[in-house]
Protein backbone atom coordinates (compact mmCIF):
# COMPACT_ATOMS: atom_id res chain seq x y z
CA UNK A 1 -3.44 -13.50 -22.51
CA UNK A 2 0.10 -13.06 -21.18
CA UNK A 3 1.14 -9.57 -20.17
CA UNK A 4 4.80 -8.62 -20.66
CA UNK A 5 5.81 -7.16 -17.31
CA UNK A 6 8.96 -5.45 -16.06
CA UNK A 7 9.96 -4.63 -12.49
CA UNK A 8 12.36 -1.74 -11.88
CA UNK A 9 13.99 -1.95 -8.46
CA UNK A 10 13.32 -5.65 -8.13
CA UNK A 11 15.95 -6.31 -5.45
CA UNK A 12 14.03 -4.51 -2.68
CA UNK A 13 11.29 -5.94 -0.52
CA UNK A 14 8.49 -4.49 -2.66
CA UNK A 15 10.16 -5.60 -5.88
CA UNK A 16 10.71 -9.08 -4.50
CA UNK A 17 7.08 -9.27 -3.44
CA UNK A 18 6.02 -8.32 -6.96
CA UNK A 19 8.16 -11.14 -8.38
CA UNK A 20 6.63 -13.59 -5.87
CA UNK A 21 3.09 -12.61 -6.82
CA UNK A 22 3.81 -12.64 -10.55
CA UNK A 23 5.32 -16.12 -10.30
CA UNK A 24 1.83 -17.46 -9.55
CA UNK A 25 -0.09 -15.11 -11.85
CA UNK A 26 -1.41 -17.02 -14.88
CA UNK A 27 -1.54 -13.93 -17.11
CA UNK A 28 1.93 -12.50 -16.51
CA UNK A 29 5.35 -13.10 -18.01
CA UNK A 30 8.11 -11.17 -16.23
CA UNK A 31 10.60 -10.19 -18.92
CA UNK A 32 12.78 -7.82 -16.87
CA UNK A 33 13.87 -7.40 -13.25
CA UNK A 34 16.31 -4.57 -12.62
CA UNK A 35 18.85 -3.68 -9.94
CA UNK A 36 21.97 -1.59 -10.47
CA UNK A 37 23.52 -3.00 -7.32
CA UNK A 38 22.95 -6.66 -8.26
CA UNK A 39 23.06 -6.45 -12.06
CA UNK A 40 24.28 -9.76 -13.51
CA UNK A 41 23.40 -11.76 -10.39
CA UNK A 42 20.60 -14.30 -10.12
CA UNK A 43 17.35 -13.11 -8.56
CA UNK A 44 17.44 -16.06 -6.16
CA UNK A 45 20.67 -14.73 -4.61
CA UNK A 46 18.72 -11.74 -3.25
CA UNK A 47 15.29 -13.34 -2.84
CA UNK A 48 15.96 -16.89 -1.59
CA UNK A 49 12.23 -17.67 -1.48
CA UNK A 50 12.28 -17.43 -5.31
CA UNK A 51 14.87 -20.14 -5.99
CA UNK A 52 12.70 -21.49 -8.81
CA UNK A 53 13.15 -18.32 -10.87
CA UNK A 54 15.89 -18.55 -13.48
CA UNK A 55 16.38 -14.83 -14.02
CA UNK A 56 19.22 -12.34 -13.70
CA UNK A 57 18.94 -8.75 -12.57
CA UNK A 58 19.66 -6.19 -15.29
CA UNK A 59 20.58 -2.50 -14.90
CA UNK A 60 17.75 0.00 -14.50
CA UNK A 61 18.55 1.48 -17.92
CA UNK A 62 17.23 -1.69 -19.57
CA UNK A 63 13.68 -0.67 -18.65
CA UNK A 64 13.67 2.11 -21.25
CA UNK A 65 15.06 -0.15 -23.97
CA UNK A 66 12.29 -2.76 -24.07
CA UNK A 67 8.53 -2.87 -24.65
CA UNK A 68 6.10 -3.85 -21.89
CA UNK A 69 2.41 -4.08 -21.28
CA UNK A 70 2.98 -3.09 -17.65
CA UNK A 71 6.05 -1.60 -16.00
CA UNK A 72 6.28 -1.53 -12.19
CA UNK A 73 8.62 0.94 -10.49
CA UNK A 74 9.70 -0.09 -7.00
CA UNK A 75 12.48 2.40 -6.31
CA UNK A 76 12.93 5.04 -3.61
CA UNK A 77 10.97 8.28 -3.56
CA UNK A 78 12.27 10.79 -6.08
CA UNK A 79 13.61 8.28 -8.61
CA UNK A 80 10.49 7.71 -10.75
CA UNK A 81 9.46 11.24 -11.73
CA UNK A 82 12.75 12.20 -13.49
CA UNK A 83 12.42 9.13 -15.77
CA UNK A 84 8.67 8.90 -16.09
CA UNK A 85 8.45 9.90 -19.76
CA UNK A 86 10.87 7.15 -20.75
CA UNK A 87 8.87 4.64 -18.73
CA UNK A 88 5.60 5.77 -20.33
CA UNK A 89 7.13 5.31 -23.78
CA UNK A 90 8.30 1.80 -22.89
CA UNK A 91 5.00 0.53 -21.43
CA UNK A 92 1.28 0.68 -22.09
CA UNK A 93 0.74 1.31 -18.38
CA UNK A 94 3.12 2.30 -15.58
CA UNK A 95 2.57 1.43 -11.91
CA UNK A 96 4.69 3.46 -9.49
CA UNK A 97 4.95 1.92 -6.02
CA UNK A 98 6.91 4.89 -4.66
CA UNK A 99 5.60 8.28 -3.56
CA UNK A 100 6.31 10.43 -6.61
CA UNK A 101 2.71 10.54 -7.88
CA UNK A 102 0.63 9.91 -4.76
CA UNK A 103 -0.42 13.49 -4.13
CA UNK A 104 -2.65 15.31 -6.58
CA UNK A 105 -1.56 18.78 -5.45
CA UNK A 106 2.09 19.54 -6.32
CA UNK A 107 2.18 22.19 -3.59
CA UNK A 108 1.91 19.44 -0.94
CA UNK A 109 5.22 17.81 -1.89
CA UNK A 110 7.60 20.44 -0.45
CA UNK A 111 5.66 20.32 2.83
CA UNK A 112 5.58 16.55 3.29
CA UNK A 113 8.70 15.48 1.37
CA UNK A 114 11.45 17.65 2.82
CA UNK A 115 11.24 20.50 0.32
CA UNK A 116 11.10 18.26 -2.78
CA UNK A 117 9.59 20.12 -5.74
CA UNK A 118 7.73 17.90 -8.17
CA UNK A 119 9.41 17.92 -11.62
CA UNK A 120 6.29 16.77 -13.51
CA UNK A 121 3.30 18.51 -11.92
CA UNK A 122 1.13 18.19 -15.04
CA UNK A 123 1.22 14.39 -14.81
CA UNK A 124 -0.34 14.55 -11.36
CA UNK A 125 -3.61 15.51 -13.07
CA UNK A 126 -3.55 12.37 -15.21
CA UNK A 127 -2.46 9.75 -12.70
CA UNK A 128 -4.82 7.48 -10.81
CA UNK A 129 -4.40 6.99 -7.06
CA UNK A 130 -4.06 3.26 -6.56
CA UNK A 131 -6.51 2.26 -3.85
CA UNK A 132 -8.81 0.10 -5.95
CA UNK A 133 -11.72 0.16 -3.51
CA UNK A 134 -11.99 3.93 -4.03
CA UNK A 135 -10.71 4.57 -7.56
CA UNK A 136 -11.53 1.64 -9.86
CA UNK A 137 -12.72 3.75 -12.77
CA UNK A 138 -9.67 6.00 -12.72
CA UNK A 139 -7.34 2.99 -12.46
CA UNK A 140 -9.09 1.30 -15.37
CA UNK A 141 -8.54 4.26 -17.68
CA UNK A 142 -5.19 5.76 -16.59
CA UNK A 143 -1.76 5.15 -18.10
CA UNK A 144 0.01 6.08 -14.85
CA UNK A 145 -1.18 4.51 -11.61
CA UNK A 146 0.39 5.52 -8.33
CA UNK A 147 0.56 3.17 -5.39
CA UNK A 148 -0.60 4.42 -2.00
CA UNK A 149 1.53 4.50 1.13
CA UNK A 150 1.10 1.46 3.34
CA UNK A 151 0.13 3.40 6.47
CA UNK A 152 -2.06 5.61 4.32
CA UNK A 153 -3.80 2.59 2.78
CA UNK A 154 -4.63 1.14 6.19
CA UNK A 155 -5.88 4.45 7.55
CA UNK A 156 -7.82 5.53 4.46
CA UNK A 157 -9.66 2.23 4.07
CA UNK A 158 -10.47 2.31 7.80
CA UNK A 159 -11.99 5.78 7.61
CA UNK A 160 -13.38 6.13 4.08
CA UNK A 161 -16.90 4.73 4.65
CA UNK A 162 -17.51 7.14 7.53
CA UNK A 163 -15.80 10.11 5.89
CA UNK A 164 -17.65 9.67 2.60
CA UNK A 165 -20.98 9.99 4.43
CA UNK A 166 -19.84 12.94 6.51
CA UNK A 167 -20.48 11.06 9.75
CA UNK A 168 -17.40 12.16 11.68
CA UNK A 169 -16.11 15.45 12.98
CA UNK A 170 -13.25 16.99 11.03
CA UNK A 171 -10.62 15.45 13.23
CA UNK A 172 -9.15 12.02 13.66
CA UNK A 173 -6.31 10.55 15.71
CA UNK A 174 -4.52 7.55 14.20
CA UNK A 175 -2.02 5.37 16.06
CA UNK A 176 -0.26 3.12 13.51
CA UNK A 177 1.89 0.18 14.64
CA UNK A 178 4.24 -0.71 11.78
CA UNK A 179 6.41 -3.74 11.01
CA UNK A 180 10.08 -3.38 10.12
CA UNK A 181 9.76 -4.29 6.42
CA UNK A 182 7.97 -0.99 5.82
CA UNK A 183 11.35 0.71 6.20
CA UNK A 184 12.72 -1.08 3.14
CA UNK A 185 15.58 -3.47 2.47
CA UNK A 186 18.40 -0.98 3.06
CA UNK A 187 19.49 -1.12 6.69
CA UNK A 188 19.83 1.94 8.92
CA UNK A 189 21.04 2.44 12.50
CA UNK A 190 17.38 2.29 13.59
CA UNK A 191 16.89 -1.10 11.92
CA UNK A 192 20.12 -2.62 13.29
CA UNK A 193 19.06 -5.70 15.28
CA UNK A 194 20.56 -4.72 18.69
CA UNK A 195 18.90 -1.32 18.45
CA UNK A 196 15.48 -2.49 17.25
CA UNK A 197 14.96 -5.72 19.19
CA UNK A 198 12.41 -5.48 22.02
CA UNK A 199 11.64 -1.87 21.08
CA UNK A 200 8.39 0.00 20.68
CA UNK A 201 9.79 3.13 19.04
CA UNK A 202 7.65 6.05 17.94
CA UNK A 203 9.58 7.20 14.88
CA UNK A 204 7.01 9.75 13.71
CA UNK A 205 4.89 11.16 16.56
CA UNK A 206 3.85 13.97 14.20
CA UNK A 207 4.46 15.02 10.63
CA UNK A 208 4.43 11.61 8.93
CA UNK A 209 4.29 12.08 5.14
CA UNK A 210 1.34 9.70 4.76
CA UNK A 211 -0.75 12.30 6.58
CA UNK A 212 -1.07 14.13 3.24
CA UNK A 213 -2.61 11.08 1.54
CA UNK A 214 -5.08 10.52 4.38
CA UNK A 215 -6.21 14.14 4.19
CA UNK A 216 -6.44 13.96 0.41
CA UNK A 217 -8.57 10.81 0.31
CA UNK A 218 -10.85 11.36 3.30
CA UNK A 219 -11.36 15.11 3.00
CA UNK A 220 -10.44 15.48 6.67
CA UNK A 221 -8.05 18.29 7.52
CA UNK A 222 -7.29 17.69 11.19
CA UNK A 223 -5.47 14.35 10.97
CA UNK A 224 -3.23 13.41 13.88
CA UNK A 225 -1.07 10.47 12.77
CA UNK A 226 1.54 8.79 14.96
CA UNK A 227 3.65 5.86 13.71
CA UNK A 228 5.40 3.39 15.98
CA UNK A 229 7.85 0.63 15.05
CA UNK A 230 6.97 -2.72 16.58
CA UNK A 231 8.81 -6.04 16.69
CA UNK A 232 7.04 -7.43 13.65
CA UNK A 233 8.41 -7.94 10.14
CA UNK A 234 5.18 -7.68 8.14
CA UNK A 235 2.04 -5.89 9.13
CA UNK A 236 0.33 -2.65 10.11
CA UNK A 237 -2.40 -2.09 12.68
CA UNK A 238 -3.98 1.36 12.53
CA UNK A 239 -6.10 2.32 15.53
CA UNK A 240 -8.22 5.28 14.45
CA UNK A 241 -10.09 7.42 16.98
CA UNK A 242 -12.96 9.38 15.46
CA UNK A 243 -15.77 11.41 16.98
CA UNK A 244 -19.19 10.88 15.45
CA UNK A 245 -21.44 13.77 14.52
CA UNK A 246 -24.50 11.63 15.28
CA UNK A 247 -25.21 9.23 18.13
CA UNK A 248 -24.98 6.10 15.95
CA UNK A 249 -25.09 2.68 17.51
CA UNK A 250 -22.92 -0.24 16.39
CA UNK A 251 -25.68 -1.70 14.23
CA UNK A 252 -25.83 1.51 12.21
CA UNK A 253 -22.05 1.65 11.94
CA UNK A 254 -21.95 -1.97 10.79
CA UNK A 255 -24.44 -1.10 8.05
CA UNK A 256 -22.22 1.75 6.84
CA UNK A 257 -19.24 -0.58 6.45
CA UNK A 258 -21.30 -3.35 4.89
CA UNK A 259 -22.69 -0.99 2.28
CA UNK A 260 -19.21 0.32 1.49
CA UNK A 261 -17.30 -2.98 1.45
CA UNK A 262 -19.86 -5.79 1.20
CA UNK A 263 -18.92 -6.56 -2.42
CA UNK A 264 -15.18 -5.92 -2.09
CA UNK A 265 -13.13 -9.07 -2.77
CA UNK A 266 -10.26 -8.11 -0.45
CA UNK A 267 -12.07 -6.43 2.46
CA UNK A 268 -13.40 -8.26 5.50
CA UNK A 269 -15.23 -6.74 8.47
CA UNK A 270 -13.83 -8.40 11.59
CA UNK A 271 -15.91 -7.93 14.72
CA UNK A 272 -16.57 -11.04 16.76
CA UNK A 273 -18.32 -11.35 20.11
CA UNK A 274 -15.69 -13.65 21.60
CA UNK A 275 -12.35 -15.33 20.93
CA UNK A 276 -8.72 -14.30 20.58
CA UNK A 277 -9.20 -12.66 17.19
CA UNK A 278 -12.25 -10.47 17.76
CA UNK A 279 -10.61 -7.56 15.95
CA UNK A 280 -8.22 -7.24 12.99
CA UNK A 281 -4.83 -8.87 13.54
CA UNK A 282 -1.93 -8.24 11.12
CA UNK A 283 -0.31 -11.61 11.83
CA UNK A 284 -3.18 -13.42 10.14
CA UNK A 285 -2.76 -11.32 6.99
CA UNK A 286 0.92 -12.00 6.32
CA UNK A 287 1.38 -12.69 2.62
CA UNK A 288 -2.21 -11.78 1.72
CA UNK A 289 -3.84 -8.92 -0.16
CA UNK A 290 -6.67 -8.58 2.35
CA UNK A 291 -7.66 -5.58 4.45
CA UNK A 292 -9.44 -6.30 7.71
CA UNK A 293 -11.44 -3.62 9.50
CA UNK A 294 -13.24 -3.65 12.83
CA UNK A 295 -14.66 -1.09 15.23
CA UNK A 296 -16.01 -0.47 18.72
CA UNK A 297 -18.21 2.35 19.92
CA UNK A 298 -17.23 4.04 23.18
CA UNK A 299 -20.38 3.86 25.36
CA UNK A 300 -19.29 6.92 27.34
CA UNK A 301 -18.93 9.33 24.43
CA UNK A 302 -19.34 9.67 20.67
CA UNK A 303 -15.86 8.29 20.13
CA UNK A 304 -15.61 5.39 17.70
CA UNK A 305 -12.45 3.29 17.56
CA UNK A 306 -11.82 1.84 14.10
CA UNK A 307 -9.10 -0.78 13.68
CA UNK A 308 -7.57 -1.61 10.29
CA UNK A 309 -4.91 -4.22 9.48
CA UNK A 310 -2.91 -5.20 6.40
CA UNK A 311 0.34 -6.82 5.30
CA UNK A 312 2.30 -3.69 4.33
CA UNK A 313 4.21 -5.48 1.56
CA UNK A 314 1.11 -6.93 -0.11
CA UNK A 315 -2.10 -4.90 0.31
CA UNK A 316 0.10 -1.97 1.34
CA UNK A 317 2.38 -2.14 -1.70
CA UNK A 318 2.94 -4.96 -4.22
CA UNK A 319 -0.40 -6.76 -3.91
CA UNK A 320 -2.32 -3.53 -4.39
CA UNK A 321 -0.27 -2.86 -7.53
CA UNK A 322 -1.13 -6.31 -8.91
CA UNK A 323 -4.79 -5.74 -8.05
CA UNK A 324 -4.62 -2.44 -9.94
CA UNK A 325 -2.96 -4.15 -12.91
CA UNK A 326 -5.76 -6.71 -13.04
CA UNK A 327 -8.31 -3.91 -13.14
CA UNK A 328 -6.39 -1.89 -15.72
CA UNK A 329 -6.13 -4.82 -18.13
CA UNK A 330 -9.64 -6.17 -17.64
CA UNK A 331 -8.63 -9.30 -15.73
CA UNK A 332 -10.56 -10.75 -12.77
CA UNK A 333 -9.49 -8.55 -9.87
CA UNK A 334 -8.40 -11.43 -7.64
CA UNK A 335 -6.16 -13.15 -10.21
CA UNK A 336 -2.85 -14.16 -8.64
CA UNK A 337 -3.92 -12.83 -5.24
CA UNK A 338 -5.99 -15.67 -3.82
CA UNK A 339 -3.61 -16.56 -0.96
CA UNK A 340 -5.48 -16.62 2.38
CA UNK A 341 -2.63 -16.64 4.89
CA UNK A 342 -1.66 -19.05 7.63
CA UNK A 343 -2.68 -19.93 11.16
CA UNK A 344 -0.91 -20.57 13.38
CA UNK A 345 2.29 -18.75 12.43
């Protein structure tokens, strides 16, 4: 079975990552890659790692003029919702990598997205939230699947096993170190090399928009999220501080994570007794769709430190969307996503 797939916004980092993953997916034929800025130019001119692809970018409008099995939208926030009905007519299933359909409550958008009022609130009831480890059944049956934020994905997967069992107090502090690619392909003064090099810059000490997703998916209300830019291209490390309701030891905590993730194809519990890589390390995940989680119990209190790591462009964005597509179309979940990463790098 070959799925006819289109990628809207294919010139960005997320769009390029989709094209890379689809190039090695045995059940996908990419029939459209769009970019208004680069329309008429070869894909390889923007994504030099894809020199083998003989494909030209087409304008975004082409996406509503063709038929697809799956249409992936990789544009900026606010650009999917106004065109969503046209996309749903063009494709059997639509996968939105942006933020337009991440939140189930339309009232949360003005708070976390600078006053933006959702133009299609009714569709929020029908969409599936695209973290496969938590929402497989919804993803399997929905026509519209929203991607999750990359920082949100790392934090939610780190906390979900504990939150689901009600094992932590209703407060969590998350310190997320984020690579530069999470800011997208369009440069800004903050991403200019002389300004970013050698910096550890907290760009969102409070109020990060992914806070809404973490609250939504964990049920926790008191979420303190801080995001810091680090000198890394790919990768996120979320250090989550939680306070346990019960005096659980590490063996009990290990059991909680094993029961939650023991059968998950893309989740690994990383907690070694010795060595350089005793805990999750984003560098080892570059290019992969894996999520690594580890933890350590504070012996002086009921504080538990949970560490989660991903590649923000794969498990945090494009890889998760491909994983969701596999589920939605009844394919083996790992198809096209078997890359294990490199060491050393």
